PDB file of N, CA and C in Angstrom:
ATOM      1  N   VAL A   1     -11.575  29.461  -5.307  1.00  0.00           N
ATOM      2  CA  VAL A   1     -12.068  30.050  -6.539  1.00  0.00           C
ATOM      3  C   VAL A   1     -11.914  31.565  -6.447  1.00  0.00           C
ATOM      4  N   GLN A   2     -11.198  32.112  -7.382  1.00  0.00           N
ATOM      5  CA  GLN A   2     -10.940  33.541  -7.302  1.00  0.00           C
ATOM      6  C   GLN A   2     -10.792  34.137  -8.698  1.00  0.00           C
ATOM      7  N   LEU A   3     -11.408  35.311  -8.893  1.00  0.00           N
ATOM      8  CA  LEU A   3     -11.217  36.110 -10.090  1.00  0.00           C
ATOM      9  C   LEU A   3     -10.710  37.470  -9.634  1.00  0.00           C
ATOM     10  N   VAL A   4      -9.564  37.871 -10.127  1.00  0.00           N
ATOM     11  CA  VAL A   4      -8.961  39.133  -9.713  1.00  0.00           C
ATOM     12  C   VAL A   4      -8.743  40.004 -10.938  1.00  0.00           C
ATOM     13  N   GLU A   5      -9.386  41.170 -10.919  1.00  0.00           N
ATOM     14  CA  GLU A   5      -9.288  42.088 -12.040  1.00  0.00           C
ATOM     15  C   GLU A   5      -8.246  43.157 -11.762  1.00  0.00           C
ATOM     16  N   SER A   6      -7.699  43.680 -12.843  1.00  0.00           N
ATOM     17  CA  SER A   6      -6.747  44.781 -12.750  1.00  0.00           C
ATOM     18  C   SER A   6      -6.769  45.559 -14.049  1.00  0.00           C
ATOM     19  N   GLY A   7      -6.154  46.740 -14.010  1.00  0.00           N
ATOM     20  CA  GLY A   7      -5.989  47.520 -15.231  1.00  0.00           C
ATOM     21  C   GLY A   7      -6.896  48.711 -15.374  1.00  0.00           C
ATOM     22  N   GLY A   8      -7.835  48.885 -14.458  1.00  0.00           N
ATOM     23  CA  GLY A   8      -8.708  50.043 -14.553  1.00  0.00           C
ATOM     24  C   GLY A   8      -7.970  51.317 -14.184  1.00  0.00           C
ATOM     25  N   GLY A   9      -8.642  52.444 -14.367  1.00  0.00           N
ATOM     26  CA  GLY A   9      -8.029  53.723 -14.022  1.00  0.00           C
ATOM     27  C   GLY A   9      -8.725  54.878 -14.685  1.00  0.00           C
ATOM     28  N   LEU A  10      -8.061  56.029 -14.637  1.00  0.00           N
ATOM     29  CA  LEU A  10      -8.578  57.254 -15.227  1.00  0.00           C
ATOM     30  C   LEU A  10      -7.839  57.524 -16.534  1.00  0.00           C
ATOM     31  N   VAL A  11      -8.592  57.801 -17.586  1.00  0.00           N
ATOM     32  CA  VAL A  11      -7.992  58.041 -18.893  1.00  0.00           C
ATOM     33  C   VAL A  11      -8.798  59.120 -19.603  1.00  0.00           C
ATOM     34  N   GLN A  12      -8.133  59.872 -20.471  1.00  0.00           N
ATOM     35  CA  GLN A  12      -8.842  60.877 -21.251  1.00  0.00           C
ATOM     36  C   GLN A  12      -9.571  60.233 -22.416  1.00  0.00           C
ATOM     37  N   ALA A  13     -10.606  60.893 -22.865  1.00  0.00           N
ATOM     38  CA  ALA A  13     -11.338  60.399 -24.039  1.00  0.00           C
ATOM     39  C   ALA A  13     -10.378  60.204 -25.203  1.00  0.00           C
ATOM     40  N   GLY A  14     -10.556  59.098 -25.903  1.00  0.00           N
ATOM     41  CA  GLY A  14      -9.668  58.746 -27.003  1.00  0.00           C
ATOM     42  C   GLY A  14      -8.523  57.851 -26.604  1.00  0.00           C
ATOM     43  N   GLY A  15      -8.329  57.693 -25.314  1.00  0.00           N
ATOM     44  CA  GLY A  15      -7.234  56.879 -24.815  1.00  0.00           C
ATOM     45  C   GLY A  15      -7.575  55.400 -24.776  1.00  0.00           C
ATOM     46  N   SER A  16      -6.649  54.620 -24.226  1.00  0.00           N
ATOM     47  CA  SER A  16      -6.787  53.157 -24.172  1.00  0.00           C
ATOM     48  C   SER A  16      -6.483  52.635 -22.779  1.00  0.00           C
ATOM     49  N   LEU A  17      -7.110  51.529 -22.468  1.00  0.00           N
ATOM     50  CA  LEU A  17      -6.814  50.770 -21.260  1.00  0.00           C
ATOM     51  C   LEU A  17      -6.906  49.288 -21.589  1.00  0.00           C
ATOM     52  N   ARG A  18      -6.186  48.491 -20.830  1.00  0.00           N
ATOM     53  CA  ARG A  18      -6.270  47.038 -20.981  1.00  0.00           C
ATOM     54  C   ARG A  18      -6.596  46.430 -19.625  1.00  0.00           C
ATOM     55  N   LEU A  19      -7.762  45.823 -19.544  1.00  0.00           N
ATOM     56  CA  LEU A  19      -8.181  45.159 -18.317  1.00  0.00           C
ATOM     57  C   LEU A  19      -7.739  43.705 -18.350  1.00  0.00           C
ATOM     58  N   SER A  20      -7.417  43.179 -17.165  1.00  0.00           N
ATOM     59  CA  SER A  20      -7.053  41.781 -17.039  1.00  0.00           C
ATOM     60  C   SER A  20      -7.871  41.132 -15.929  1.00  0.00           C
ATOM     61  N   CYS A  21      -8.123  39.848 -16.095  1.00  0.00           N
ATOM     62  CA  CYS A  21      -8.858  39.068 -15.097  1.00  0.00           C
ATOM     63  C   CYS A  21      -8.125  37.752 -14.930  1.00  0.00           C
ATOM     64  N   ALA A  22      -7.550  37.544 -13.755  1.00  0.00           N
ATOM     65  CA  ALA A  22      -6.804  36.323 -13.475  1.00  0.00           C
ATOM     66  C   ALA A  22      -7.669  35.374 -12.671  1.00  0.00           C
ATOM     67  N   ALA A  23      -7.744  34.136 -13.118  1.00  0.00           N
ATOM     68  CA  ALA A  23      -8.573  33.133 -12.467  1.00  0.00           C
ATOM     69  C   ALA A  23      -7.709  32.084 -11.797  1.00  0.00           C
ATOM     70  N   SER A  24      -8.189  31.576 -10.673  1.00  0.00           N
ATOM     71  CA  SER A  24      -7.480  30.517  -9.978  1.00  0.00           C
ATOM     72  C   SER A  24      -8.468  29.743  -9.114  1.00  0.00           C
ATOM     73  N   GLY A  25      -8.061  28.532  -8.729  1.00  0.00           N
ATOM     74  CA  GLY A  25      -8.839  27.788  -7.755  1.00  0.00           C
ATOM     75  C   GLY A  25      -9.725  26.690  -8.293  1.00  0.00           C
ATOM     76  N   GLY A  26      -9.564  26.328  -9.558  1.00  0.00           N
ATOM     77  CA  GLY A  26     -10.381  25.227 -10.042  1.00  0.00           C
ATOM     78  C   GLY A  26     -10.411  25.156 -11.551  1.00  0.00           C
ATOM     79  N   THR A  27     -11.315  24.340 -12.059  1.00  0.00           N
ATOM     80  CA  THR A  27     -11.528  24.203 -13.498  1.00  0.00           C
ATOM     81  C   THR A  27     -12.580  25.217 -13.914  1.00  0.00           C
ATOM     82  N   PHE A  28     -12.296  25.987 -14.932  1.00  0.00           N
ATOM     83  CA  PHE A  28     -13.183  27.099 -15.252  1.00  0.00           C
ATOM     84  C   PHE A  28     -13.160  27.400 -16.743  1.00  0.00           C
ATOM     85  N   SER A  29     -14.128  28.215 -17.142  1.00  0.00           N
ATOM     86  CA  SER A  29     -14.147  28.815 -18.479  1.00  0.00           C
ATOM     87  C   SER A  29     -14.504  30.280 -18.326  1.00  0.00           C
ATOM     88  N   PHE A  30     -13.750  31.129 -18.971  1.00  0.00           N
ATOM     89  CA  PHE A  30     -14.099  32.542 -18.960  1.00  0.00           C
ATOM     90  C   PHE A  30     -15.359  32.766 -19.773  1.00  0.00           C
ATOM     91  N   LYS A  31     -16.247  33.664 -19.263  1.00  0.00           N
ATOM     92  CA  LYS A  31     -17.480  33.963 -19.966  1.00  0.00           C
ATOM     93  C   LYS A  31     -17.424  35.320 -20.660  1.00  0.00           C
ATOM     94  N   GLY A  32     -16.875  36.313 -19.982  1.00  0.00           N
ATOM     95  CA  GLY A  32     -16.803  37.621 -20.624  1.00  0.00           C
ATOM     96  C   GLY A  32     -16.674  38.763 -19.635  1.00  0.00           C
ATOM     97  N   TRP A  33     -16.840  39.957 -20.178  1.00  0.00           N
ATOM     98  CA  TRP A  33     -16.753  41.201 -19.418  1.00  0.00           C
ATOM     99  C   TRP A  33     -18.097  41.911 -19.410  1.00  0.00           C
ATOM    100  N   TYR A  34     -18.421  42.472 -18.273  1.00  0.00           N
ATOM    101  CA  TYR A  34     -19.646  43.243 -18.099  1.00  0.00           C
ATOM    102  C   TYR A  34     -19.265  44.562 -17.444  1.00  0.00           C
ATOM    103  N   ARG A  35     -20.186  45.510 -17.492  1.00  0.00           N
ATOM    104  CA  ARG A  35     -19.931  46.782 -16.813  1.00  0.00           C
ATOM    105  C   ARG A  35     -21.215  47.327 -16.215  1.00  0.00           C
ATOM    106  N   GLN A  36     -21.027  48.153 -15.193  1.00  0.00           N
ATOM    107  CA  GLN A  36     -22.168  48.776 -14.531  1.00  0.00           C
ATOM    108  C   GLN A  36     -21.832  50.228 -14.245  1.00  0.00           C
ATOM    109  N   ALA A  37     -22.537  51.112 -14.913  1.00  0.00           N
ATOM    110  CA  ALA A  37     -22.375  52.532 -14.667  1.00  0.00           C
ATOM    111  C   ALA A  37     -23.245  52.946 -13.487  1.00  0.00           C
ATOM    112  N   LEU A  38     -22.900  54.045 -12.873  1.00  0.00           N
ATOM    113  CA  LEU A  38     -23.616  54.518 -11.704  1.00  0.00           C
ATOM    114  C   LEU A  38     -25.094  54.701 -12.029  1.00  0.00           C
ATOM    115  N   GLY A  39     -25.947  54.069 -11.254  1.00  0.00           N
ATOM    116  CA  GLY A  39     -27.381  54.205 -11.439  1.00  0.00           C
ATOM    117  C   GLY A  39     -27.971  53.375 -12.556  1.00  0.00           C
ATOM    118  N   LYS A  40     -27.160  52.533 -13.168  1.00  0.00           N
ATOM    119  CA  LYS A  40     -27.642  51.709 -14.266  1.00  0.00           C
ATOM    120  C   LYS A  40     -27.456  50.235 -13.961  1.00  0.00           C
ATOM    121  N   GLN A  41     -28.118  49.404 -14.759  1.00  0.00           N
ATOM    122  CA  GLN A  41     -27.986  47.968 -14.587  1.00  0.00           C
ATOM    123  C   GLN A  41     -26.683  47.472 -15.211  1.00  0.00           C
ATOM    124  N   ARG A  42     -26.222  46.343 -14.719  1.00  0.00           N
ATOM    125  CA  ARG A  42     -25.033  45.723 -15.295  1.00  0.00           C
ATOM    126  C   ARG A  42     -25.363  45.261 -16.715  1.00  0.00           C
ATOM    127  N   GLU A  43     -24.424  45.482 -17.627  1.00  0.00           N
ATOM    128  CA  GLU A  43     -24.649  45.126 -19.014  1.00  0.00           C
ATOM    129  C   GLU A  43     -23.456  44.376 -19.590  1.00  0.00           C
ATOM    130  N   LEU A  44     -23.760  43.586 -20.600  1.00  0.00           N
ATOM    131  CA  LEU A  44     -22.716  42.851 -21.300  1.00  0.00           C
ATOM    132  C   LEU A  44     -21.864  43.806 -22.116  1.00  0.00           C
ATOM    133  N   VAL A  45     -20.556  43.617 -22.047  1.00  0.00           N
ATOM    134  CA  VAL A  45     -19.634  44.381 -22.889  1.00  0.00           C
ATOM    135  C   VAL A  45     -19.110  43.484 -23.998  1.00  0.00           C
ATOM    136  N   ALA A  46     -18.540  42.351 -23.601  1.00  0.00           N
ATOM    137  CA  ALA A  46     -17.971  41.406 -24.563  1.00  0.00           C
ATOM    138  C   ALA A  46     -17.992  40.034 -23.931  1.00  0.00           C
ATOM    139  N   ALA A  47     -18.317  39.025 -24.730  1.00  0.00           N
ATOM    140  CA  ALA A  47     -18.430  37.686 -24.174  1.00  0.00           C
ATOM    141  C   ALA A  47     -18.057  36.649 -25.206  1.00  0.00           C
ATOM    142  N   PHE A  48     -17.670  35.488 -24.701  1.00  0.00           N
ATOM    143  CA  PHE A  48     -17.417  34.349 -25.566  1.00  0.00           C
ATOM    144  C   PHE A  48     -18.721  33.588 -25.726  1.00  0.00           C
ATOM    145  N   THR A  49     -18.960  33.095 -26.926  1.00  0.00           N
ATOM    146  CA  THR A  49     -20.147  32.292 -27.141  1.00  0.00           C
ATOM    147  C   THR A  49     -19.938  30.919 -26.529  1.00  0.00           C
ATOM    148  N   SER A  50     -20.984  30.181 -26.414  1.00  0.00           N
ATOM    149  CA  SER A  50     -20.939  28.828 -25.858  1.00  0.00           C
ATOM    150  C   SER A  50     -19.940  28.006 -26.657  1.00  0.00           C
ATOM    151  N   GLY A  51     -18.979  27.405 -25.963  1.00  0.00           N
ATOM    152  CA  GLY A  51     -17.932  26.672 -26.657  1.00  0.00           C
ATOM    153  C   GLY A  51     -16.714  27.512 -26.954  1.00  0.00           C
ATOM    154  N   GLY A  52     -16.851  28.828 -26.800  1.00  0.00           N
ATOM    155  CA  GLY A  52     -15.701  29.724 -26.956  1.00  0.00           C
ATOM    156  C   GLY A  52     -15.249  29.935 -28.373  1.00  0.00           C
ATOM    157  N   GLY A  53     -16.073  29.501 -29.343  1.00  0.00           N
ATOM    158  CA  GLY A  53     -15.632  29.604 -30.723  1.00  0.00           C
ATOM    159  C   GLY A  53     -15.673  31.000 -31.303  1.00  0.00           C
ATOM    160  N   SER A  54     -16.505  31.861 -30.746  1.00  0.00           N
ATOM    161  CA  SER A  54     -16.585  33.211 -31.269  1.00  0.00           C
ATOM    162  C   SER A  54     -16.939  34.162 -30.134  1.00  0.00           C
ATOM    163  N   THR A  55     -17.058  35.445 -30.468  1.00  0.00           N
ATOM    164  CA  THR A  55     -17.289  36.457 -29.453  1.00  0.00           C
ATOM    165  C   THR A  55     -18.473  37.334 -29.815  1.00  0.00           C
ATOM    166  N   ASN A  56     -19.075  37.905 -28.801  1.00  0.00           N
ATOM    167  CA  ASN A  56     -20.141  38.885 -28.968  1.00  0.00           C
ATOM    168  C   ASN A  56     -19.729  40.184 -28.296  1.00  0.00           C
ATOM    169  N   TYR A  57     -20.089  41.295 -28.915  1.00  0.00           N
ATOM    170  CA  TYR A  57     -19.795  42.600 -28.349  1.00  0.00           C
ATOM    171  C   TYR A  57     -21.059  43.441 -28.308  1.00  0.00           C
ATOM    172  N   ALA A  58     -21.155  44.272 -27.286  1.00  0.00           N
ATOM    173  CA  ALA A  58     -22.230  45.260 -27.267  1.00  0.00           C
ATOM    174  C   ALA A  58     -22.032  46.205 -28.455  1.00  0.00           C
ATOM    175  N   ASP A  59     -23.125  46.646 -29.035  1.00  0.00           N
ATOM    176  CA  ASP A  59     -23.024  47.538 -30.195  1.00  0.00           C
ATOM    177  C   ASP A  59     -22.197  48.775 -29.878  1.00  0.00           C
ATOM    178  N   SER A  60     -22.295  49.236 -28.653  1.00  0.00           N
ATOM    179  CA  SER A  60     -21.618  50.478 -28.271  1.00  0.00           C
ATOM    180  C   SER A  60     -20.095  50.356 -28.235  1.00  0.00           C
ATOM    181  N   VAL A  61     -19.570  49.125 -28.225  1.00  0.00           N
ATOM    182  CA  VAL A  61     -18.111  48.957 -28.126  1.00  0.00           C
ATOM    183  C   VAL A  61     -17.515  48.256 -29.340  1.00  0.00           C
ATOM    184  N   LYS A  62     -18.348  47.841 -30.261  1.00  0.00           N
ATOM    185  CA  LYS A  62     -17.844  47.137 -31.450  1.00  0.00           C
ATOM    186  C   LYS A  62     -16.837  47.993 -32.191  1.00  0.00           C
ATOM    187  N   GLY A  63     -15.735  47.352 -32.564  1.00  0.00           N
ATOM    188  CA  GLY A  63     -14.694  48.068 -33.291  1.00  0.00           C
ATOM    189  C   GLY A  63     -13.720  48.800 -32.393  1.00  0.00           C
ATOM    190  N   ARG A  64     -14.042  48.892 -31.094  1.00  0.00           N
ATOM    191  CA  ARG A  64     -13.152  49.610 -30.158  1.00  0.00           C
ATOM    192  C   ARG A  64     -12.570  48.691 -29.095  1.00  0.00           C
ATOM    193  N   PHE A  65     -13.346  47.697 -28.670  1.00  0.00           N
ATOM    194  CA  PHE A  65     -12.918  46.785 -27.610  1.00  0.00           C
ATOM    195  C   PHE A  65     -12.641  45.409 -28.200  1.00  0.00           C
ATOM    196  N   THR A  66     -11.673  44.700 -27.584  1.00  0.00           N
ATOM    197  CA  THR A  66     -11.351  43.340 -28.006  1.00  0.00           C
ATOM    198  C   THR A  66     -11.148  42.466 -26.781  1.00  0.00           C
ATOM    199  N   ILE A  67     -11.859  41.353 -26.754  1.00  0.00           N
ATOM    200  CA  ILE A  67     -11.730  40.389 -25.667  1.00  0.00           C
ATOM    201  C   ILE A  67     -10.787  39.276 -26.105  1.00  0.00           C
ATOM    202  N   SER A  68      -9.969  38.793 -25.166  1.00  0.00           N
ATOM    203  CA  SER A  68      -9.034  37.721 -25.485  1.00  0.00           C
ATOM    204  C   SER A  68      -8.690  36.955 -24.221  1.00  0.00           C
ATOM    205  N   THR A  69      -8.068  35.803 -24.398  1.00  0.00           N
ATOM    206  CA  THR A  69      -7.624  35.023 -23.249  1.00  0.00           C
ATOM    207  C   THR A  69      -6.183  34.576 -23.460  1.00  0.00           C
ATOM    208  N   ASP A  70      -5.497  34.368 -22.357  1.00  0.00           N
ATOM    209  CA  ASP A  70      -4.160  33.791 -22.341  1.00  0.00           C
ATOM    210  C   ASP A  70      -4.257  32.529 -21.498  1.00  0.00           C
ATOM    211  N   THR A  71      -4.405  31.386 -22.149  1.00  0.00           N
ATOM    212  CA  THR A  71      -4.661  30.158 -21.404  1.00  0.00           C
ATOM    213  C   THR A  71      -3.462  29.743 -20.562  1.00  0.00           C
ATOM    214  N   ARG A  72      -2.261  30.124 -20.996  1.00  0.00           N
ATOM    215  CA  ARG A  72      -1.071  29.754 -20.211  1.00  0.00           C
ATOM    216  C   ARG A  72      -1.070  30.449 -18.865  1.00  0.00           C
ATOM    217  N   GLN A  73      -1.640  31.654 -18.816  1.00  0.00           N
ATOM    218  CA  GLN A  73      -1.635  32.426 -17.579  1.00  0.00           C
ATOM    219  C   GLN A  73      -3.006  32.483 -16.932  1.00  0.00           C
ATOM    220  N   ASN A  74      -3.950  31.707 -17.463  1.00  0.00           N
ATOM    221  CA  ASN A  74      -5.306  31.697 -16.902  1.00  0.00           C
ATOM    222  C   ASN A  74      -5.854  33.119 -16.763  1.00  0.00           C
ATOM    223  N   THR A  75      -5.697  33.901 -17.806  1.00  0.00           N
ATOM    224  CA  THR A  75      -6.081  35.306 -17.745  1.00  0.00           C
ATOM    225  C   THR A  75      -6.933  35.680 -18.951  1.00  0.00           C
ATOM    226  N   MET A  76      -7.890  36.540 -18.698  1.00  0.00           N
ATOM    227  CA  MET A  76      -8.724  37.105 -19.755  1.00  0.00           C
ATOM    228  C   MET A  76      -8.451  38.606 -19.808  1.00  0.00           C
ATOM    229  N   HIS A  77      -8.454  39.142 -21.010  1.00  0.00           N
ATOM    230  CA  HIS A  77      -8.169  40.557 -21.178  1.00  0.00           C
ATOM    231  C   HIS A  77      -9.306  41.257 -21.910  1.00  0.00           C
ATOM    232  N   LEU A  78      -9.374  42.555 -21.692  1.00  0.00           N
ATOM    233  CA  LEU A  78     -10.252  43.405 -22.482  1.00  0.00           C
ATOM    234  C   LEU A  78      -9.433  44.622 -22.903  1.00  0.00           C
ATOM    235  N   GLN A  79      -9.094  44.680 -24.174  1.00  0.00           N
ATOM    236  CA  GLN A  79      -8.390  45.831 -24.710  1.00  0.00           C
ATOM    237  C   GLN A  79      -9.426  46.868 -25.126  1.00  0.00           C
ATOM    238  N   MET A  80      -9.314  48.048 -24.553  1.00  0.00           N
ATOM    239  CA  MET A  80     -10.293  49.102 -24.804  1.00  0.00           C
ATOM    240  C   MET A  80      -9.585  50.287 -25.450  1.00  0.00           C
ATOM    241  N   ASN A  81      -9.949  50.579 -26.675  1.00  0.00           N
ATOM    242  CA  ASN A  81      -9.369  51.697 -27.424  1.00  0.00           C
ATOM    243  C   ASN A  81     -10.439  52.743 -27.700  1.00  0.00           C
ATOM    244  N   SER A  82      -9.987  53.923 -28.057  1.00  0.00           N
ATOM    245  CA  SER A  82     -10.892  55.028 -28.404  1.00  0.00           C
ATOM    246  C   SER A  82     -11.969  55.195 -27.340  1.00  0.00           C
ATOM    247  N   LEU A  83     -11.547  55.243 -26.115  1.00  0.00           N
ATOM    248  CA  LEU A  83     -12.497  55.300 -25.003  1.00  0.00           C
ATOM    249  C   LEU A  83     -13.289  56.597 -25.021  1.00  0.00           C
ATOM    250  N   LYS A  84     -14.543  56.486 -24.585  1.00  0.00           N
ATOM    251  CA  LYS A  84     -15.470  57.612 -24.536  1.00  0.00           C
ATOM    252  C   LYS A  84     -15.942  57.811 -23.097  1.00  0.00           C
ATOM    253  N   PRO A  85     -16.368  59.012 -22.748  1.00  0.00           N
ATOM    254  CA  PRO A  85     -16.884  59.228 -21.385  1.00  0.00           C
ATOM    255  C   PRO A  85     -18.008  58.258 -21.019  1.00  0.00           C
ATOM    256  N   GLU A  86     -18.809  57.855 -21.989  1.00  0.00           N
ATOM    257  CA  GLU A  86     -19.902  56.935 -21.686  1.00  0.00           C
ATOM    258  C   GLU A  86     -19.423  55.513 -21.403  1.00  0.00           C
ATOM    259  N   ASP A  87     -18.138  55.249 -21.564  1.00  0.00           N
ATOM    260  CA  ASP A  87     -17.576  53.956 -21.164  1.00  0.00           C
ATOM    261  C   ASP A  87     -17.260  53.914 -19.670  1.00  0.00           C
ATOM    262  N   THR A  88     -17.403  55.029 -18.994  1.00  0.00           N
ATOM    263  CA  THR A  88     -17.140  55.086 -17.563  1.00  0.00           C
ATOM    264  C   THR A  88     -18.072  54.142 -16.811  1.00  0.00           C
ATOM    265  N   ALA A  89     -17.489  53.231 -16.030  1.00  0.00           N
ATOM    266  CA  ALA A  89     -18.264  52.226 -15.308  1.00  0.00           C
ATOM    267  C   ALA A  89     -17.310  51.372 -14.482  1.00  0.00           C
ATOM    268  N   VAL A  90     -17.893  50.538 -13.646  1.00  0.00           N
ATOM    269  CA  VAL A  90     -17.132  49.466 -13.009  1.00  0.00           C
ATOM    270  C   VAL A  90     -17.226  48.255 -13.924  1.00  0.00           C
ATOM    271  N   TYR A  91     -16.089  47.693 -14.252  1.00  0.00           N
ATOM    272  CA  TYR A  91     -16.029  46.559 -15.168  1.00  0.00           C
ATOM    273  C   TYR A  91     -15.789  45.280 -14.373  1.00  0.00           C
ATOM    274  N   TYR A  92     -16.570  44.258 -14.712  1.00  0.00           N
ATOM    275  CA  TYR A  92     -16.513  42.977 -14.018  1.00  0.00           C
ATOM    276  C   TYR A  92     -16.206  41.858 -15.008  1.00  0.00           C
ATOM    277  N   CYS A  93     -15.384  40.914 -14.596  1.00  0.00           N
ATOM    278  CA  CYS A  93     -15.210  39.711 -15.399  1.00  0.00           C
ATOM    279  C   CYS A  93     -16.062  38.599 -14.798  1.00  0.00           C
ATOM    280  N   LYS A  94     -16.417  37.669 -15.650  1.00  0.00           N
ATOM    281  CA  LYS A  94     -17.282  36.557 -15.253  1.00  0.00           C
ATOM    282  C   LYS A  94     -16.709  35.257 -15.785  1.00  0.00           C
ATOM    283  N   ALA A  95     -16.769  34.223 -14.951  1.00  0.00           N
ATOM    284  CA  ALA A  95     -16.319  32.896 -15.360  1.00  0.00           C
ATOM    285  C   ALA A  95     -17.242  31.860 -14.739  1.00  0.00           C
ATOM    286  N   VAL A  96     -17.259  30.702 -15.330  1.00  0.00           N
ATOM    287  CA  VAL A  96     -17.995  29.585 -14.750  1.00  0.00           C
ATOM    288  C   VAL A  96     -16.976  28.565 -14.270  1.00  0.00           C
ATOM    289  N   PHE A  97     -17.135  28.134 -13.024  1.00  0.00           N
ATOM    290  CA  PHE A  97     -16.263  27.151 -12.420  1.00  0.00           C
ATOM    291  C   PHE A  97     -17.009  25.824 -12.317  1.00  0.00           C
ATOM    292  N   TYR A  98     -16.280  24.756 -12.615  1.00  0.00           N
ATOM    293  CA  TYR A  98     -16.891  23.437 -12.672  1.00  0.00           C
ATOM    294  C   TYR A  98     -16.403  22.553 -11.527  1.00  0.00           C
ATOM    295  N   ARG A  99     -17.371  21.903 -10.889  1.00  0.00           N
ATOM    296  CA  ARG A  99     -17.066  20.838  -9.949  1.00  0.00           C
ATOM    297  C   ARG A  99     -17.881  19.640 -10.404  1.00  0.00           C
ATOM    298  N   VAL A 100     -17.650  18.501  -9.812  1.00  0.00           N
ATOM    299  CA  VAL A 100     -18.354  17.301 -10.246  1.00  0.00           C
ATOM    300  C   VAL A 100     -19.867  17.537 -10.164  1.00  0.00           C
ATOM    301  N   GLY A 101     -20.518  17.492 -11.292  1.00  0.00           N
ATOM    302  CA  GLY A 101     -21.959  17.629 -11.346  1.00  0.00           C
ATOM    303  C   GLY A 101     -22.507  19.027 -11.287  1.00  0.00           C
ATOM    304  N   THR A 102     -21.646  20.038 -11.133  1.00  0.00           N
ATOM    305  CA  THR A 102     -22.156  21.405 -11.015  1.00  0.00           C
ATOM    306  C   THR A 102     -21.318  22.377 -11.831  1.00  0.00           C
ATOM    307  N   ALA A 103     -21.942  23.494 -12.144  1.00  0.00           N
ATOM    308  CA  ALA A 103     -21.249  24.613 -12.787  1.00  0.00           C
ATOM    309  C   ALA A 103     -21.796  25.893 -12.169  1.00  0.00           C
ATOM    310  N   SER A 104     -20.918  26.752 -11.694  1.00  0.00           N
ATOM    311  CA  SER A 104     -21.353  27.961 -10.995  1.00  0.00           C
ATOM    312  C   SER A 104     -20.675  29.193 -11.575  1.00  0.00           C
ATOM    313  N   ASP A 105     -21.460  30.253 -11.703  1.00  0.00           N
ATOM    314  CA  ASP A 105     -20.916  31.523 -12.190  1.00  0.00           C
ATOM    315  C   ASP A 105     -20.215  32.272 -11.060  1.00  0.00           C
ATOM    316  N   TYR A 106     -19.084  32.852 -11.388  1.00  0.00           N
ATOM    317  CA  TYR A 106     -18.357  33.690 -10.443  1.00  0.00           C
ATOM    318  C   TYR A 106     -18.042  35.026 -11.104  1.00  0.00           C
ATOM    319  N   TRP A 107     -17.996  36.067 -10.260  1.00  0.00           N
ATOM    320  CA  TRP A 107     -17.687  37.412 -10.716  1.00  0.00           C
ATOM    321  C   TRP A 107     -16.432  37.918 -10.005  1.00  0.00           C
ATOM    322  N   GLY A 108     -15.675  38.731 -10.729  1.00  0.00           N
ATOM    323  CA  GLY A 108     -14.584  39.440 -10.092  1.00  0.00           C
ATOM    324  C   GLY A 108     -15.104  40.567  -9.218  1.00  0.00           C
ATOM    325  N   GLN A 109     -14.197  41.234  -8.532  1.00  0.00           N
ATOM    326  CA  GLN A 109     -14.578  42.287  -7.597  1.00  0.00           C
ATOM    327  C   GLN A 109     -14.892  43.601  -8.297  1.00  0.00           C
ATOM    328  N   GLY A 110     -14.525  43.700  -9.554  1.00  0.00           N
ATOM    329  CA  GLY A 110     -14.781  44.919 -10.316  1.00  0.00           C
ATOM    330  C   GLY A 110     -13.578  45.848 -10.316  1.00  0.00           C
ATOM    331  N   THR A 111     -13.408  46.538 -11.435  1.00  0.00           N
ATOM    332  CA  THR A 111     -12.352  47.540 -11.542  1.00  0.00           C
ATOM    333  C   THR A 111     -12.942  48.791 -12.188  1.00  0.00           C
ATOM    334  N   GLN A 112     -12.661  49.938 -11.601  1.00  0.00           N
ATOM    335  CA  GLN A 112     -13.258  51.183 -12.056  1.00  0.00           C
ATOM    336  C   GLN A 112     -12.527  51.719 -13.280  1.00  0.00           C
ATOM    337  N   VAL A 113     -13.293  52.063 -14.292  1.00  0.00           N
ATOM    338  CA  VAL A 113     -12.775  52.752 -15.468  1.00  0.00           C
ATOM    339  C   VAL A 113     -13.475  54.103 -15.553  1.00  0.00           C
ATOM    340  N   THR A 114     -12.689  55.161 -15.575  1.00  0.00           N
ATOM    341  CA  THR A 114     -13.236  56.508 -15.681  1.00  0.00           C
ATOM    342  C   THR A 114     -12.610  57.205 -16.884  1.00  0.00           C
ATOM    343  N   VAL A 115     -13.458  57.680 -17.781  1.00  0.00           N
ATOM    344  CA  VAL A 115     -13.000  58.356 -18.991  1.00  0.00           C
ATOM    345  C   VAL A 115     -13.430  59.813 -18.902  1.00  0.00           C
ATOM    346  N   SER A 116     -12.454  60.696 -18.910  1.00  0.00           N
ATOM    347  CA  SER A 116     -12.753  62.121 -18.813  1.00  0.00           C
ATOM    348  C   SER A 116     -12.858  62.736 -20.207  1.00  0.00           C
ATOM    349  N   SER A 117     -13.704  63.741 -20.307  1.00  0.00           N
ATOM    350  CA  SER A 117     -13.912  64.389 -21.615  1.00  0.00           C
ATOM    351  C   SER A 117     -12.926  65.525 -21.834  1.00  0.00           C
TER     352      SER A 117
END
């Protein structure tokens, strides 16, 4: 079971980044993206609702970020536009992996996003 994130980096305010999360190692469903800024608690950025029929976004990113999946490549993306310095954080993807009779949450290792003013 593995979640591998990529796409983070340093960008100027107003710029864009696209994060990716590749999953492998079992039967799974992507849950969403979270972030944790230095000294703060981890927070939801964007997530799929139960059943995957719709999405939820934090108010602070609505209209700027878009979550999506590529089922052929077992990958989840987060397109981030109009980035602001307050978006600076480590971004984590989350998925639930299923085995017979159980479902367990897994997190990626995190990817740093830094937005300079």
